[in-house]
Amino acid sequence: MITWNANSEADVYEYVVYRDGVKLPISPRGGTFYVDVGINGTHNYSVSALTLTGVEGAQSVSVSTNTAKNGWW
């Protein structure tokens, strides 16, 4: 599971999660965590915030982690 701190801006609608630089088709609206299942190996993750008007902020610094197909190590 990856976690991040909530953005303090009032107009944040949701967060965008990237794996290895590719936007994931998920929408953790208001949530500050993501569990990636069904994949193996080492992957890099980053997060950005999306405003109510659709403006996406800068991606966070990428973090690297190992995953296991049936969950996290």
C-alpha atoms as a PDB file:
ATOM      1  CA  MET A   1       0.000   0.000   0.000  1.00  0.00           C
ATOM      2  CA  ILE A   2       1.229   3.478  -0.778  1.00  0.00           C
ATOM      3  CA  THR A   3       0.026   6.441   1.233  1.00  0.00           C
ATOM      4  CA  TRP A   4       0.392  10.199   0.918  1.00  0.00           C
ATOM      5  CA  ASN A   5      -0.518  13.325   2.832  1.00  0.00           C
ATOM      6  CA  ALA A   6      -3.714  15.076   1.847  1.00  0.00           C
ATOM      7  CA  ASN A   7      -3.327  18.257  -0.170  1.00  0.00           C
ATOM      8  CA  SER A   8      -4.419  21.270   1.889  1.00  0.00           C
ATOM      9  CA  GLU A   9      -5.925  23.172  -1.061  1.00  0.00           C
ATOM     10  CA  ALA A  10      -9.702  23.549  -0.731  1.00  0.00           C
ATOM     11  CA  ASP A  11     -10.438  22.734  -4.386  1.00  0.00           C
ATOM     12  CA  VAL A  12      -8.774  19.290  -4.559  1.00  0.00           C
ATOM     13  CA  TYR A  13     -11.269  16.844  -6.046  1.00  0.00           C
ATOM     14  CA  GLU A  14      -9.243  13.663  -6.265  1.00  0.00           C
ATOM     15  CA  TYR A  15      -5.761  12.221  -6.535  1.00  0.00           C
ATOM     16  CA  VAL A  16      -4.093  10.685  -9.560  1.00  0.00           C
ATOM     17  CA  VAL A  17      -1.768   7.712  -9.021  1.00  0.00           C
ATOM     18  CA  TYR A  18       1.005   6.819 -11.459  1.00  0.00           C
ATOM     19  CA  ARG A  19       2.863   3.508 -11.691  1.00  0.00           C
ATOM     20  CA  ASP A  20       6.129   3.638 -13.606  1.00  0.00           C
ATOM     21  CA  GLY A  21       5.065   6.965 -15.118  1.00  0.00           C
ATOM     22  CA  VAL A  22       1.694   5.681 -16.385  1.00  0.00           C
ATOM     23  CA  LYS A  23      -1.557   7.067 -14.974  1.00  0.00           C
ATOM     24  CA  LEU A  24      -3.609   4.314 -13.344  1.00  0.00           C
ATOM     25  CA  PRO A  25      -7.328   4.090 -14.185  1.00  0.00           C
ATOM     26  CA  ILE A  26      -8.433   4.601 -10.599  1.00  0.00           C
ATOM     27  CA  SER A  27      -9.873   7.511  -8.648  1.00  0.00           C
ATOM     28  CA  PRO A  28      -9.025   7.670  -4.930  1.00  0.00           C
ATOM     29  CA  ARG A  29     -11.354  10.626  -4.355  1.00  0.00           C
ATOM     30  CA  GLY A  30     -10.408  12.138  -1.061  1.00  0.00           C
ATOM     31  CA  GLY A  31      -8.507   8.989  -0.145  1.00  0.00           C
ATOM     32  CA  THR A  32      -4.836   9.106   0.696  1.00  0.00           C
ATOM     33  CA  PHE A  33      -3.835   5.530  -0.056  1.00  0.00           C
ATOM     34  CA  TYR A  34      -3.723   3.020  -2.885  1.00  0.00           C
ATOM     35  CA  VAL A  35      -3.273  -0.764  -2.856  1.00  0.00           C
ATOM     36  CA  ASP A  36      -1.896  -2.220  -6.073  1.00  0.00           C
ATOM     37  CA  VAL A  37      -2.620  -5.943  -6.417  1.00  0.00           C
ATOM     38  CA  GLY A  38      -2.064  -8.509  -9.133  1.00  0.00           C
ATOM     39  CA  ILE A  39       1.408  -7.359 -10.180  1.00  0.00           C
ATOM     40  CA  ASN A  40       4.938  -8.513  -9.348  1.00  0.00           C
ATOM     41  CA  GLY A  41       8.300  -6.836  -9.067  1.00  0.00           C
ATOM     42  CA  THR A  42       9.668  -3.410  -8.304  1.00  0.00           C
ATOM     43  CA  HIS A  43       7.647  -0.407  -9.419  1.00  0.00           C
ATOM     44  CA  ASN A  44       7.817   3.368  -9.031  1.00  0.00           C
ATOM     45  CA  TYR A  45       4.781   5.319  -7.831  1.00  0.00           C
ATOM     46  CA  SER A  46       3.922   9.001  -7.729  1.00  0.00           C
ATOM     47  CA  VAL A  47       0.756  10.973  -6.973  1.00  0.00           C
ATOM     48  CA  SER A  48      -0.733  14.287  -8.078  1.00  0.00           C
ATOM     49  CA  ALA A  49      -3.810  16.226  -7.018  1.00  0.00           C
ATOM     50  CA  LEU A  50      -6.640  17.124  -9.385  1.00  0.00           C
ATOM     51  CA  THR A  51      -8.775  20.219  -8.763  1.00  0.00           C
ATOM     52  CA  LEU A  52     -12.524  20.570  -9.181  1.00  0.00           C
ATOM     53  CA  THR A  53     -11.889  22.373 -12.480  1.00  0.00           C
ATOM     54  CA  GLY A  54      -9.730  19.523 -13.831  1.00  0.00           C
ATOM     55  CA  VAL A  55      -6.317  21.118 -13.337  1.00  0.00           C
ATOM     56  CA  GLU A  56      -3.719  18.535 -12.347  1.00  0.00           C
ATOM     57  CA  GLY A  57      -0.901  19.571 -10.060  1.00  0.00           C
ATOM     58  CA  ALA A  58       2.693  18.435 -10.292  1.00  0.00           C
ATOM     59  CA  GLN A  59       3.474  14.796  -9.582  1.00  0.00           C
ATOM     60  CA  SER A  60       5.095  13.974  -6.282  1.00  0.00           C
ATOM     61  CA  VAL A  61       8.573  12.597  -6.043  1.00  0.00           C
ATOM     62  CA  SER A  62       8.518   8.974  -7.163  1.00  0.00           C
ATOM     63  CA  VAL A  63       8.922   6.187  -4.607  1.00  0.00           C
ATOM     64  CA  SER A  64      10.024   2.654  -5.430  1.00  0.00           C
ATOM     65  CA  THR A  65       8.631  -0.486  -3.819  1.00  0.00           C
ATOM     66  CA  ASN A  66       8.491  -4.223  -4.334  1.00  0.00           C
ATOM     67  CA  THR A  67       5.130  -5.845  -4.923  1.00  0.00           C
ATOM     68  CA  ALA A  68       3.914  -9.406  -4.776  1.00  0.00           C
ATOM     69  CA  LYS A  69       1.160 -10.754  -7.012  1.00  0.00           C
ATOM     70  CA  ASN A  70      -1.148 -11.461  -4.082  1.00  0.00           C
ATOM     71  CA  GLY A  71      -0.410  -8.254  -2.181  1.00  0.00           C
ATOM     72  CA  TRP A  72       2.504  -6.300  -0.792  1.00  0.00           C
ATOM     73  CA  TRP A  73       5.672  -7.714   0.753  1.00  0.00           C
END
